Amino acid sequence: MAEVVVELASLVAQAGAKVAFGEKVDVDGATLVPVALAIYGVGGGQGPAGSDDAGPLGSGGGGGSLSVPLGAYVGREGTVRFVPNVVALLFVSIPLTIVAGRALARIARALR
């Protein structure tokens, strides 16, 4: 089981910027490079080997990923600008704002 987890982790590490930045695309004289926030996680577990218990030994594993399209870099006539995906930015910023607000409230309560 451990070998599978190590292999998956190495595949994710090799992906690097290829995951966050897509292949460039030419559209109507402009060059677009899509940008995404990519998060991956893998894990595994195994029960105690050689246990004297009569119960079953367990093992397991799992993984998951999340990719949020943040926007695209648009190059046209020698200039490059970032065009955000407003819906995705709200998707990312709303939970961050909630967590930051709760953290600040706890800090303020602790300082009283």
PDB file of N, CA and C in Angstrom:
ATOM      1  N   MET A   1       0.826  -1.194   0.000  1.00  0.00           N
ATOM      2  CA  MET A   1       0.000   0.000   0.000  1.00  0.00           C
ATOM      3  C   MET A   1       0.864   1.248   0.000  1.00  0.00           C
ATOM      4  N   ALA A   2       1.946   1.244   0.783  1.00  0.00           N
ATOM      5  CA  ALA A   2       2.792   2.423   0.887  1.00  0.00           C
ATOM      6  C   ALA A   2       3.413   2.788  -0.456  1.00  0.00           C
ATOM      7  N   GLU A   3       3.737   1.785  -1.268  1.00  0.00           N
ATOM      8  CA  GLU A   3       4.349   2.053  -2.564  1.00  0.00           C
ATOM      9  C   GLU A   3       3.390   2.829  -3.471  1.00  0.00           C
ATOM     10  N   VAL A   4       2.104   2.514  -3.393  1.00  0.00           N
ATOM     11  CA  VAL A   4       1.109   3.192  -4.216  1.00  0.00           C
ATOM     12  C   VAL A   4       1.024   4.664  -3.837  1.00  0.00           C
ATOM     13  N   VAL A   5       1.024   4.962  -2.552  1.00  0.00           N
ATOM     14  CA  VAL A   5       0.932   6.338  -2.077  1.00  0.00           C
ATOM     15  C   VAL A   5       2.163   7.125  -2.522  1.00  0.00           C
ATOM     16  N   VAL A   6       3.349   6.526  -2.391  1.00  0.00           N
ATOM     17  CA  VAL A   6       4.576   7.204  -2.803  1.00  0.00           C
ATOM     18  C   VAL A   6       4.566   7.459  -4.306  1.00  0.00           C
ATOM     19  N   GLU A   7       4.097   6.499  -5.081  1.00  0.00           N
ATOM     20  CA  GLU A   7       4.030   6.664  -6.535  1.00  0.00           C
ATOM     21  C   GLU A   7       3.059   7.773  -6.924  1.00  0.00           C
ATOM     22  N   LEU A   8       1.882   7.809  -6.282  1.00  0.00           N
ATOM     23  CA  LEU A   8       0.920   8.878  -6.570  1.00  0.00           C
ATOM     24  C   LEU A   8       1.486  10.244  -6.208  1.00  0.00           C
ATOM     25  N   ALA A   9       2.159  10.341  -5.074  1.00  0.00           N
ATOM     26  CA  ALA A   9       2.743  11.616  -4.656  1.00  0.00           C
ATOM     27  C   ALA A   9       3.809  12.081  -5.641  1.00  0.00           C
ATOM     28  N   SER A  10       4.588  11.159  -6.175  1.00  0.00           N
ATOM     29  CA  SER A  10       5.616  11.557  -7.137  1.00  0.00           C
ATOM     30  C   SER A  10       4.991  12.020  -8.453  1.00  0.00           C
ATOM     31  N   LEU A  11       3.875  11.424  -8.853  1.00  0.00           N
ATOM     32  CA  LEU A  11       3.202  11.861 -10.079  1.00  0.00           C
ATOM     33  C   LEU A  11       2.662  13.275  -9.937  1.00  0.00           C
ATOM     34  N   VAL A  12       2.107  13.591  -8.775  1.00  0.00           N
ATOM     35  CA  VAL A  12       1.579  14.932  -8.532  1.00  0.00           C
ATOM     36  C   VAL A  12       2.719  15.947  -8.520  1.00  0.00           C
ATOM     37  N   ALA A  13       3.840  15.599  -7.902  1.00  0.00           N
ATOM     38  CA  ALA A  13       4.982  16.506  -7.845  1.00  0.00           C
ATOM     39  C   ALA A  13       5.544  16.778  -9.234  1.00  0.00           C
ATOM     40  N   GLN A  14       5.503  15.799 -10.114  1.00  0.00           N
ATOM     41  CA  GLN A  14       6.020  15.969 -11.466  1.00  0.00           C
ATOM     42  C   GLN A  14       5.126  16.883 -12.300  1.00  0.00           C
ATOM     43  N   ALA A  15       3.846  16.957 -11.975  1.00  0.00           N
ATOM     44  CA  ALA A  15       2.910  17.758 -12.768  1.00  0.00           C
ATOM     45  C   ALA A  15       3.253  19.239 -12.698  1.00  0.00           C
ATOM     46  N   GLY A  16       3.549  19.753 -11.501  1.00  0.00           N
ATOM     47  CA  GLY A  16       3.992  21.125 -11.309  1.00  0.00           C
ATOM     48  C   GLY A  16       3.153  22.168 -12.008  1.00  0.00           C
ATOM     49  N   ALA A  17       3.823  23.043 -12.749  1.00  0.00           N
ATOM     50  CA  ALA A  17       3.166  24.174 -13.404  1.00  0.00           C
ATOM     51  C   ALA A  17       2.253  23.738 -14.537  1.00  0.00           C
ATOM     52  N   LYS A  18       2.418  22.523 -15.040  1.00  0.00           N
ATOM     53  CA  LYS A  18       1.546  22.046 -16.115  1.00  0.00           C
ATOM     54  C   LYS A  18       0.094  21.996 -15.659  1.00  0.00           C
ATOM     55  N   VAL A  19      -0.113  21.808 -14.364  1.00  0.00           N
ATOM     56  CA  VAL A  19      -1.472  21.734 -13.830  1.00  0.00           C
ATOM     57  C   VAL A  19      -2.062  23.127 -13.641  1.00  0.00           C
ATOM     58  N   ALA A  20      -1.261  24.065 -13.145  1.00  0.00           N
ATOM     59  CA  ALA A  20      -1.757  25.405 -12.858  1.00  0.00           C
ATOM     60  C   ALA A  20      -1.897  26.265 -14.101  1.00  0.00           C
ATOM     61  N   PHE A  21      -1.057  26.032 -15.090  1.00  0.00           N
ATOM     62  CA  PHE A  21      -1.092  26.810 -16.328  1.00  0.00           C
ATOM     63  C   PHE A  21      -1.356  25.864 -17.485  1.00  0.00           C
ATOM     64  N   GLY A  22      -2.427  26.133 -18.232  1.00  0.00           N
ATOM     65  CA  GLY A  22      -2.787  25.282 -19.365  1.00  0.00           C
ATOM     66  C   GLY A  22      -1.958  25.603 -20.596  1.00  0.00           C
ATOM     67  N   GLU A  23      -2.167  24.842 -21.632  1.00  0.00           N
ATOM     68  CA  GLU A  23      -1.495  25.072 -22.908  1.00  0.00           C
ATOM     69  C   GLU A  23      -2.006  26.363 -23.528  1.00  0.00           C
ATOM     70  N   LYS A  24      -1.102  27.110 -24.160  1.00  0.00           N
ATOM     71  CA  LYS A  24      -1.534  28.367 -24.779  1.00  0.00           C
ATOM     72  C   LYS A  24      -2.407  28.076 -25.997  1.00  0.00           C
ATOM     73  N   VAL A  25      -3.378  28.969 -26.202  1.00  0.00           N
ATOM     74  CA  VAL A  25      -4.337  28.832 -27.291  1.00  0.00           C
ATOM     75  C   VAL A  25      -4.410  30.168 -28.025  1.00  0.00           C
ATOM     76  N   ASP A  26      -4.381  30.139 -29.344  1.00  0.00           N
ATOM     77  CA  ASP A  26      -4.526  31.361 -30.143  1.00  0.00           C
ATOM     78  C   ASP A  26      -5.978  31.511 -30.585  1.00  0.00           C
ATOM     79  N   VAL A  27      -6.588  32.652 -30.219  1.00  0.00           N
ATOM     80  CA  VAL A  27      -7.976  32.931 -30.569  1.00  0.00           C
ATOM     81  C   VAL A  27      -8.074  34.368 -31.084  1.00  0.00           C
ATOM     82  N   ASP A  28      -8.490  34.544 -32.318  1.00  0.00           N
ATOM     83  CA  ASP A  28      -8.710  35.871 -32.921  1.00  0.00           C
ATOM     84  C   ASP A  28      -7.525  36.816 -32.708  1.00  0.00           C
ATOM     85  N   GLY A  29      -6.326  36.350 -32.941  1.00  0.00           N
ATOM     86  CA  GLY A  29      -5.142  37.188 -32.820  1.00  0.00           C
ATOM     87  C   GLY A  29      -4.637  37.383 -31.410  1.00  0.00           C
ATOM     88  N   ALA A  30      -5.264  36.769 -30.426  1.00  0.00           N
ATOM     89  CA  ALA A  30      -4.815  36.864 -29.034  1.00  0.00           C
ATOM     90  C   ALA A  30      -4.337  35.488 -28.574  1.00  0.00           C
ATOM     91  N   THR A  31      -3.341  35.498 -27.698  1.00  0.00           N
ATOM     92  CA  THR A  31      -2.842  34.254 -27.119  1.00  0.00           C
ATOM     93  C   THR A  31      -3.362  34.145 -25.694  1.00  0.00           C
ATOM     94  N   LEU A  32      -4.037  33.049 -25.387  1.00  0.00           N
ATOM     95  CA  LEU A  32      -4.608  32.811 -24.056  1.00  0.00           C
ATOM     96  C   LEU A  32      -3.842  31.701 -23.356  1.00  0.00           C
ATOM     97  N   VAL A  33      -3.536  31.931 -22.072  1.00  0.00           N
ATOM     98  CA  VAL A  33      -2.946  30.896 -21.234  1.00  0.00           C
ATOM     99  C   VAL A  33      -3.841  30.758 -20.007  1.00  0.00           C
ATOM    100  N   PRO A  34      -4.622  29.664 -19.912  1.00  0.00           N
ATOM    101  CA  PRO A  34      -5.515  29.490 -18.759  1.00  0.00           C
ATOM    102  C   PRO A  34      -4.736  29.238 -17.470  1.00  0.00           C
ATOM    103  N   VAL A  35      -5.278  29.756 -16.366  1.00  0.00           N
ATOM    104  CA  VAL A  35      -4.656  29.621 -15.053  1.00  0.00           C
ATOM    105  C   VAL A  35      -5.674  29.004 -14.099  1.00  0.00           C
ATOM    106  N   ALA A  36      -5.226  28.027 -13.309  1.00  0.00           N
ATOM    107  CA  ALA A  36      -6.123  27.360 -12.362  1.00  0.00           C
ATOM    108  C   ALA A  36      -5.418  27.159 -11.021  1.00  0.00           C
ATOM    109  N   LEU A  37      -6.220  27.061  -9.979  1.00  0.00           N
ATOM    110  CA  LEU A  37      -5.738  26.670  -8.663  1.00  0.00           C
ATOM    111  C   LEU A  37      -5.954  25.175  -8.571  1.00  0.00           C
ATOM    112  N   ALA A  38      -4.880  24.413  -8.377  1.00  0.00           N
ATOM    113  CA  ALA A  38      -4.983  22.956  -8.329  1.00  0.00           C
ATOM    114  C   ALA A  38      -4.515  22.450  -6.967  1.00  0.00           C
ATOM    115  N   ILE A  39      -5.349  21.632  -6.339  1.00  0.00           N
ATOM    116  CA  ILE A  39      -5.036  21.067  -5.028  1.00  0.00           C
ATOM    117  C   ILE A  39      -5.217  19.560  -5.108  1.00  0.00           C
ATOM    118  N   TYR A  40      -4.224  18.835  -4.626  1.00  0.00           N
ATOM    119  CA  TYR A  40      -4.270  17.371  -4.635  1.00  0.00           C
ATOM    120  C   TYR A  40      -3.967  16.848  -3.245  1.00  0.00           C
ATOM    121  N   GLY A  41      -4.507  15.705  -2.940  1.00  0.00           N
ATOM    122  CA  GLY A  41      -4.183  15.040  -1.689  1.00  0.00           C
ATOM    123  C   GLY A  41      -4.350  13.543  -1.825  1.00  0.00           C
ATOM    124  N   VAL A  42      -3.415  12.807  -1.267  1.00  0.00           N
ATOM    125  CA  VAL A  42      -3.500  11.346  -1.253  1.00  0.00           C
ATOM    126  C   VAL A  42      -3.144  10.871   0.145  1.00  0.00           C
ATOM    127  N   GLY A  43      -3.637   9.729   0.499  1.00  0.00           N
ATOM    128  CA  GLY A  43      -3.328   9.170   1.805  1.00  0.00           C
ATOM    129  C   GLY A  43      -3.549   7.675   1.812  1.00  0.00           C
ATOM    130  N   GLY A  44      -2.964   7.048   2.772  1.00  0.00           N
ATOM    131  CA  GLY A  44      -3.117   5.605   2.881  1.00  0.00           C
ATOM    132  C   GLY A  44      -2.939   5.178   4.316  1.00  0.00           C
ATOM    133  N   GLY A  45      -3.377   3.980   4.600  1.00  0.00           N
ATOM    134  CA  GLY A  45      -3.235   3.448   5.944  1.00  0.00           C
ATOM    135  C   GLY A  45      -3.185   1.939   5.912  1.00  0.00           C
ATOM    136  N   GLN A  46      -2.700   1.401   7.002  1.00  0.00           N
ATOM    137  CA  GLN A  46      -2.614  -0.050   7.092  1.00  0.00           C
ATOM    138  C   GLN A  46      -2.703  -0.435   8.553  1.00  0.00           C
ATOM    139  N   GLY A  47      -3.348  -1.548   8.811  1.00  0.00           N
ATOM    140  CA  GLY A  47      -3.471  -2.036  10.169  1.00  0.00           C
ATOM    141  C   GLY A  47      -2.168  -2.628  10.663  1.00  0.00           C
ATOM    142  N   PRO A  48      -2.110  -2.977  11.949  1.00  0.00           N
ATOM    143  CA  PRO A  48      -0.880  -3.537  12.508  1.00  0.00           C
ATOM    144  C   PRO A  48      -0.564  -4.906  11.905  1.00  0.00           C
ATOM    145  N   ALA A  49       0.662  -5.069  11.452  1.00  0.00           N
ATOM    146  CA  ALA A  49       1.089  -6.349  10.873  1.00  0.00           C
ATOM    147  C   ALA A  49       1.432  -7.318  11.988  1.00  0.00           C
ATOM    148  N   GLY A  50       1.042  -8.563  11.827  1.00  0.00           N
ATOM    149  CA  GLY A  50       1.384  -9.598  12.792  1.00  0.00           C
ATOM    150  C   GLY A  50       0.681  -9.461  14.126  1.00  0.00           C
ATOM    151  N   SER A  51      -0.476  -8.867  14.153  1.00  0.00           N
ATOM    152  CA  SER A  51      -1.212  -8.676  15.389  1.00  0.00           C
ATOM    153  C   SER A  51      -1.714 -10.027  15.906  1.00  0.00           C
ATOM    154  N   ASP A  52      -1.741 -10.155  17.224  1.00  0.00           N
ATOM    155  CA  ASP A  52      -2.231 -11.389  17.828  1.00  0.00           C
ATOM    156  C   ASP A  52      -3.750 -11.412  17.933  1.00  0.00           C
ATOM    157  N   ASP A  53      -4.394 -10.300  17.625  1.00  0.00           N
ATOM    158  CA  ASP A  53      -5.852 -10.243  17.693  1.00  0.00           C
ATOM    159  C   ASP A  53      -6.456 -11.151  16.626  1.00  0.00           C
ATOM    160  N   ALA A  54      -7.617 -11.681  16.922  1.00  0.00           N
ATOM    161  CA  ALA A  54      -8.309 -12.527  15.959  1.00  0.00           C
ATOM    162  C   ALA A  54      -9.067 -11.684  14.922  1.00  0.00           C
ATOM    163  N   GLY A  55      -9.162 -10.381  15.167  1.00  0.00           N
ATOM    164  CA  GLY A  55      -9.910  -9.499  14.264  1.00  0.00           C
ATOM    165  C   GLY A  55      -9.185  -9.289  12.946  1.00  0.00           C
ATOM    166  N   PRO A  56      -9.903  -8.766  11.979  1.00  0.00           N
ATOM    167  CA  PRO A  56      -9.308  -8.551  10.657  1.00  0.00           C
ATOM    168  C   PRO A  56      -8.301  -7.395  10.679  1.00  0.00           C
ATOM    169  N   LEU A  57      -7.291  -7.506   9.852  1.00  0.00           N
ATOM    170  CA  LEU A  57      -6.333  -6.422   9.673  1.00  0.00           C
ATOM    171  C   LEU A  57      -6.868  -5.523   8.571  1.00  0.00           C
ATOM    172  N   GLY A  58      -6.680  -4.239   8.708  1.00  0.00           N
ATOM    173  CA  GLY A  58      -7.250  -3.337   7.724  1.00  0.00           C
ATOM    174  C   GLY A  58      -6.195  -2.565   6.957  1.00  0.00           C
ATOM    175  N   SER A  59      -6.586  -2.108   5.826  1.00  0.00           N
ATOM    176  CA  SER A  59      -5.744  -1.209   5.042  1.00  0.00           C
ATOM    177  C   SER A  59      -6.677  -0.371   4.177  1.00  0.00           C
ATOM    178  N   GLY A  60      -6.162   0.712   3.662  1.00  0.00           N
ATOM    179  CA  GLY A  60      -6.997   1.549   2.821  1.00  0.00           C
ATOM    180  C   GLY A  60      -6.220   2.717   2.269  1.00  0.00           C
ATOM    181  N   GLY A  61      -6.847   3.419   1.415  1.00  0.00           N
ATOM    182  CA  GLY A  61      -6.201   4.577   0.807  1.00  0.00           C
ATOM    183  C   GLY A  61      -7.229   5.406   0.077  1.00  0.00           C
ATOM    184  N   GLY A  62      -6.815   6.567  -0.298  1.00  0.00           N
ATOM    185  CA  GLY A  62      -7.726   7.425  -1.037  1.00  0.00           C
ATOM    186  C   GLY A  62      -7.016   8.664  -1.523  1.00  0.00           C
ATOM    187  N   GLY A  63      -7.708   9.398  -2.316  1.00  0.00           N
ATOM    188  CA  GLY A  63      -7.129  10.615  -2.851  1.00  0.00           C
ATOM    189  C   GLY A  63      -8.218  11.509  -3.387  1.00  0.00           C
ATOM    190  N   GLY A  64      -7.840  12.717  -3.642  1.00  0.00           N
ATOM    191  CA  GLY A  64      -8.799  13.650  -4.198  1.00  0.00           C
ATOM    192  C   GLY A  64      -8.097  14.838  -4.815  1.00  0.00           C
ATOM    193  N   SER A  65      -8.827  15.564  -5.592  1.00  0.00           N
ATOM    194  CA  SER A  65      -8.255  16.747  -6.220  1.00  0.00           C
ATOM    195  C   SER A  65      -9.347  17.785  -6.429  1.00  0.00           C
ATOM    196  N   LEU A  66      -8.907  19.013  -6.565  1.00  0.00           N
ATOM    197  CA  LEU A  66      -9.805  20.126  -6.829  1.00  0.00           C
ATOM    198  C   LEU A  66      -9.082  21.066  -7.779  1.00  0.00           C
ATOM    199  N   SER A  67      -9.751  21.484  -8.804  1.00  0.00           N
ATOM    200  CA  SER A  67      -9.182  22.435  -9.746  1.00  0.00           C
ATOM    201  C   SER A  67     -10.195  23.556  -9.966  1.00  0.00           C
ATOM    202  N   VAL A  68      -9.767  24.788  -9.696  1.00  0.00           N
ATOM    203  CA  VAL A  68     -10.644  25.943  -9.841  1.00  0.00           C
ATOM    204  C   VAL A  68     -10.054  26.860 -10.913  1.00  0.00           C
ATOM    205  N   PRO A  69     -10.768  27.100 -12.007  1.00  0.00           N
ATOM    206  CA  PRO A  69     -10.248  27.990 -13.046  1.00  0.00           C
ATOM    207  C   PRO A  69     -10.265  29.446 -12.569  1.00  0.00           C
ATOM    208  N   LEU A  70      -9.086  30.033 -12.395  1.00  0.00           N
ATOM    209  CA  LEU A  70      -9.000  31.390 -11.869  1.00  0.00           C
ATOM    210  C   LEU A  70      -9.112  32.467 -12.945  1.00  0.00           C
ATOM    211  N   GLY A  71      -8.721  32.144 -14.172  1.00  0.00           N
ATOM    212  CA  GLY A  71      -8.770  33.129 -15.247  1.00  0.00           C
ATOM    213  C   GLY A  71      -7.794  32.756 -16.336  1.00  0.00           C
ATOM    214  N   ALA A  72      -7.328  33.764 -17.064  1.00  0.00           N
ATOM    215  CA  ALA A  72      -6.391  33.509 -18.156  1.00  0.00           C
ATOM    216  C   ALA A  72      -5.515  34.734 -18.381  1.00  0.00           C
ATOM    217  N   TYR A  73      -4.274  34.473 -18.775  1.00  0.00           N
ATOM    218  CA  TYR A  73      -3.403  35.531 -19.257  1.00  0.00           C
ATOM    219  C   TYR A  73      -3.711  35.718 -20.734  1.00  0.00           C
ATOM    220  N   VAL A  74      -3.955  36.951 -21.129  1.00  0.00           N
ATOM    221  CA  VAL A  74      -4.293  37.259 -22.514  1.00  0.00           C
ATOM    222  C   VAL A  74      -3.200  38.157 -23.076  1.00  0.00           C
ATOM    223  N   GLY A  75      -2.548  37.664 -24.127  1.00  0.00           N
ATOM    224  CA  GLY A  75      -1.515  38.451 -24.793  1.00  0.00           C
ATOM    225  C   GLY A  75      -2.016  38.927 -26.142  1.00  0.00           C
ATOM    226  N   ARG A  76      -1.946  40.243 -26.354  1.00  0.00           N
ATOM    227  CA  ARG A  76      -2.415  40.823 -27.617  1.00  0.00           C
ATOM    228  C   ARG A  76      -1.593  42.080 -27.888  1.00  0.00           C
ATOM    229  N   GLU A  77      -1.075  42.196 -29.098  1.00  0.00           N
ATOM    230  CA  GLU A  77      -0.337  43.374 -29.551  1.00  0.00           C
ATOM    231  C   GLU A  77       0.779  43.771 -28.601  1.00  0.00           C
ATOM    232  N   GLY A  78       1.542  42.799 -28.125  1.00  0.00           N
ATOM    233  CA  GLY A  78       2.700  43.078 -27.280  1.00  0.00           C
ATOM    234  C   GLY A  78       2.408  43.330 -25.818  1.00  0.00           C
ATOM    235  N   THR A  79       1.161  43.274 -25.389  1.00  0.00           N
ATOM    236  CA  THR A  79       0.828  43.455 -23.975  1.00  0.00           C
ATOM    237  C   THR A  79       0.185  42.189 -23.436  1.00  0.00           C
ATOM    238  N   VAL A  80       0.386  41.960 -22.148  1.00  0.00           N
ATOM    239  CA  VAL A  80      -0.204  40.797 -21.483  1.00  0.00           C
ATOM    240  C   VAL A  80      -0.971  41.288 -20.268  1.00  0.00           C
ATOM    241  N   ARG A  81      -2.183  40.788 -20.100  1.00  0.00           N
ATOM    242  CA  ARG A  81      -2.966  41.131 -18.911  1.00  0.00           C
ATOM    243  C   ARG A  81      -3.688  39.886 -18.420  1.00  0.00           C
ATOM    244  N   PHE A  82      -4.016  39.909 -17.133  1.00  0.00           N
ATOM    245  CA  PHE A  82      -4.742  38.790 -16.525  1.00  0.00           C
ATOM    246  C   PHE A  82      -6.224  39.123 -16.521  1.00  0.00           C
ATOM    247  N   VAL A  83      -7.026  38.214 -17.048  1.00  0.00           N
ATOM    248  CA  VAL A  83      -8.485  38.380 -17.048  1.00  0.00           C
ATOM    249  C   VAL A  83      -9.046  37.352 -16.070  1.00  0.00           C
ATOM    250  N   PRO A  84      -9.576  37.799 -14.922  1.00  0.00           N
ATOM    251  CA  PRO A  84     -10.040  36.856 -13.906  1.00  0.00           C
ATOM    252  C   PRO A  84     -11.377  36.219 -14.251  1.00  0.00           C
ATOM    253  N   ASN A  85     -11.579  35.033 -13.725  1.00  0.00           N
ATOM    254  CA  ASN A  85     -12.875  34.353 -13.762  1.00  0.00           C
ATOM    255  C   ASN A  85     -13.578  34.765 -12.469  1.00  0.00           C
ATOM    256  N   VAL A  86     -14.483  35.698 -12.545  1.00  0.00           N
ATOM    257  CA  VAL A  86     -15.097  36.308 -11.364  1.00  0.00           C
ATOM    258  C   VAL A  86     -15.814  35.268 -10.499  1.00  0.00           C
ATOM    259  N   VAL A  87     -16.517  34.336 -11.111  1.00  0.00           N
ATOM    260  CA  VAL A  87     -17.241  33.316 -10.347  1.00  0.00           C
ATOM    261  C   VAL A  87     -16.265  32.459  -9.543  1.00  0.00           C
ATOM    262  N   ALA A  88     -15.169  32.055 -10.153  1.00  0.00           N
ATOM    263  CA  ALA A  88     -14.187  31.230  -9.456  1.00  0.00           C
ATOM    264  C   ALA A  88     -13.495  32.016  -8.345  1.00  0.00           C
ATOM    265  N   LEU A  89     -13.199  33.283  -8.589  1.00  0.00           N
ATOM    266  CA  LEU A  89     -12.566  34.093  -7.543  1.00  0.00           C
ATOM    267  C   LEU A  89     -13.490  34.268  -6.343  1.00  0.00           C
ATOM    268  N   LEU A  90     -14.789  34.411  -6.582  1.00  0.00           N
ATOM    269  CA  LEU A  90     -15.740  34.457  -5.466  1.00  0.00           C
ATOM    270  C   LEU A  90     -15.784  33.123  -4.734  1.00  0.00           C
ATOM    271  N   PHE A  91     -15.729  32.034  -5.493  1.00  0.00           N
ATOM    272  CA  PHE A  91     -15.724  30.690  -4.926  1.00  0.00           C
ATOM    273  C   PHE A  91     -14.547  30.501  -3.973  1.00  0.00           C
ATOM    274  N   VAL A  92     -13.405  31.063  -4.323  1.00  0.00           N
ATOM    275  CA  VAL A  92     -12.205  30.934  -3.500  1.00  0.00           C
ATOM    276  C   VAL A  92     -12.200  31.957  -2.368  1.00  0.00           C
ATOM    277  N   SER A  93     -12.635  33.191  -2.628  1.00  0.00           N
ATOM    278  CA  SER A  93     -12.487  34.255  -1.639  1.00  0.00           C
ATOM    279  C   SER A  93     -13.542  34.241  -0.536  1.00  0.00           C
ATOM    280  N   ILE A  94     -14.743  33.777  -0.807  1.00  0.00           N
ATOM    281  CA  ILE A  94     -15.789  33.778   0.227  1.00  0.00           C
ATOM    282  C   ILE A  94     -15.418  32.883   1.413  1.00  0.00           C
ATOM    283  N   PRO A  95     -15.019  31.621   1.206  1.00  0.00           N
ATOM    284  CA  PRO A  95     -14.608  30.822   2.371  1.00  0.00           C
ATOM    285  C   PRO A  95     -13.391  31.409   3.086  1.00  0.00           C
ATOM    286  N   LEU A  96     -12.457  31.982   2.338  1.00  0.00           N
ATOM    287  CA  LEU A  96     -11.283  32.595   2.947  1.00  0.00           C
ATOM    288  C   LEU A  96     -11.687  33.766   3.829  1.00  0.00           C
ATOM    289  N   THR A  97     -12.627  34.564   3.380  1.00  0.00           N
ATOM    290  CA  THR A  97     -13.111  35.704   4.155  1.00  0.00           C
ATOM    291  C   THR A  97     -13.820  35.240   5.426  1.00  0.00           C
ATOM    292  N   ILE A  98     -14.601  34.186   5.326  1.00  0.00           N
ATOM    293  CA  ILE A  98     -15.312  33.655   6.501  1.00  0.00           C
ATOM    294  C   ILE A  98     -14.318  33.154   7.541  1.00  0.00           C
ATOM    295  N   VAL A  99     -13.329  32.394   7.109  1.00  0.00           N
ATOM    296  CA  VAL A  99     -12.327  31.852   8.037  1.00  0.00           C
ATOM    297  C   VAL A  99     -11.524  32.982   8.663  1.00  0.00           C
ATOM    298  N   ALA A 100     -11.129  33.967   7.860  1.00  0.00           N
ATOM    299  CA  ALA A 100     -10.363  35.093   8.405  1.00  0.00           C
ATOM    300  C   ALA A 100     -11.193  35.879   9.417  1.00  0.00           C
ATOM    301  N   GLY A 101     -12.477  36.078   9.144  1.00  0.00           N
ATOM    302  CA  GLY A 101     -13.350  36.781  10.080  1.00  0.00           C
ATOM    303  C   GLY A 101     -13.492  36.047  11.399  1.00  0.00           C
ATOM    304  N   ARG A 102     -13.660  34.737  11.330  1.00  0.00           N
ATOM    305  CA  ARG A 102     -13.757  33.953  12.568  1.00  0.00           C
ATOM    306  C   ARG A 102     -12.465  33.984  13.355  1.00  0.00           C
ATOM    307  N   ALA A 103     -11.332  33.917  12.642  1.00  0.00           N
ATOM    308  CA  ALA A 103     -10.039  33.965  13.326  1.00  0.00           C
ATOM    309  C   ALA A 103      -9.845  35.315  14.016  1.00  0.00           C
ATOM    310  N   LEU A 104     -10.190  36.399  13.327  1.00  0.00           N
ATOM    311  CA  LEU A 104     -10.066  37.726  13.939  1.00  0.00           C
ATOM    312  C   LEU A 104     -10.992  37.880  15.141  1.00  0.00           C
ATOM    313  N   ALA A 105     -12.185  37.320  15.072  1.00  0.00           N
ATOM    314  CA  ALA A 105     -13.108  37.381  16.208  1.00  0.00           C
ATOM    315  C   ALA A 105     -12.543  36.636  17.411  1.00  0.00           C
ATOM    316  N   ARG A 106     -11.929  35.480  17.174  1.00  0.00           N
ATOM    317  CA  ARG A 106     -11.320  34.728  18.288  1.00  0.00           C
ATOM    318  C   ARG A 106     -10.130  35.478  18.881  1.00  0.00           C
ATOM    319  N   ILE A 107      -9.347  36.103  18.026  1.00  0.00           N
ATOM    320  CA  ILE A 107      -8.210  36.875  18.527  1.00  0.00           C
ATOM    321  C   ILE A 107      -8.693  38.039  19.359  1.00  0.00           C
ATOM    322  N   ALA A 108      -9.728  38.739  18.878  1.00  0.00           N
ATOM    323  CA  ALA A 108     -10.274  39.865  19.631  1.00  0.00           C
ATOM    324  C   ALA A 108     -10.832  39.412  20.972  1.00  0.00           C
ATOM    325  N   ARG A 109     -11.512  38.264  20.999  1.00  0.00           N
ATOM    326  CA  ARG A 109     -12.053  37.726  22.254  1.00  0.00           C
ATOM    327  C   ARG A 109     -10.932  37.353  23.223  1.00  0.00           C
ATOM    328  N   ALA A 110      -9.850  36.799  22.677  1.00  0.00           N
ATOM    329  CA  ALA A 110      -8.727  36.383  23.537  1.00  0.00           C
ATOM    330  C   ALA A 110      -7.987  37.582  24.119  1.00  0.00           C
ATOM    331  N   LEU A 111      -7.986  38.699  23.424  1.00  0.00           N
ATOM    332  CA  LEU A 111      -7.283  39.884  23.886  1.00  0.00           C
ATOM    333  C   LEU A 111      -8.069  40.680  24.923  1.00  0.00           C
ATOM    334  N   ARG A 112      -9.355  40.382  25.108  1.00  0.00           N
ATOM    335  CA  ARG A 112     -10.175  41.116  26.094  1.00  0.00           C
ATOM    336  C   ARG A 112      -9.823  40.763  27.492  1.00  0.00           C
TER     337      ARG A 112
END
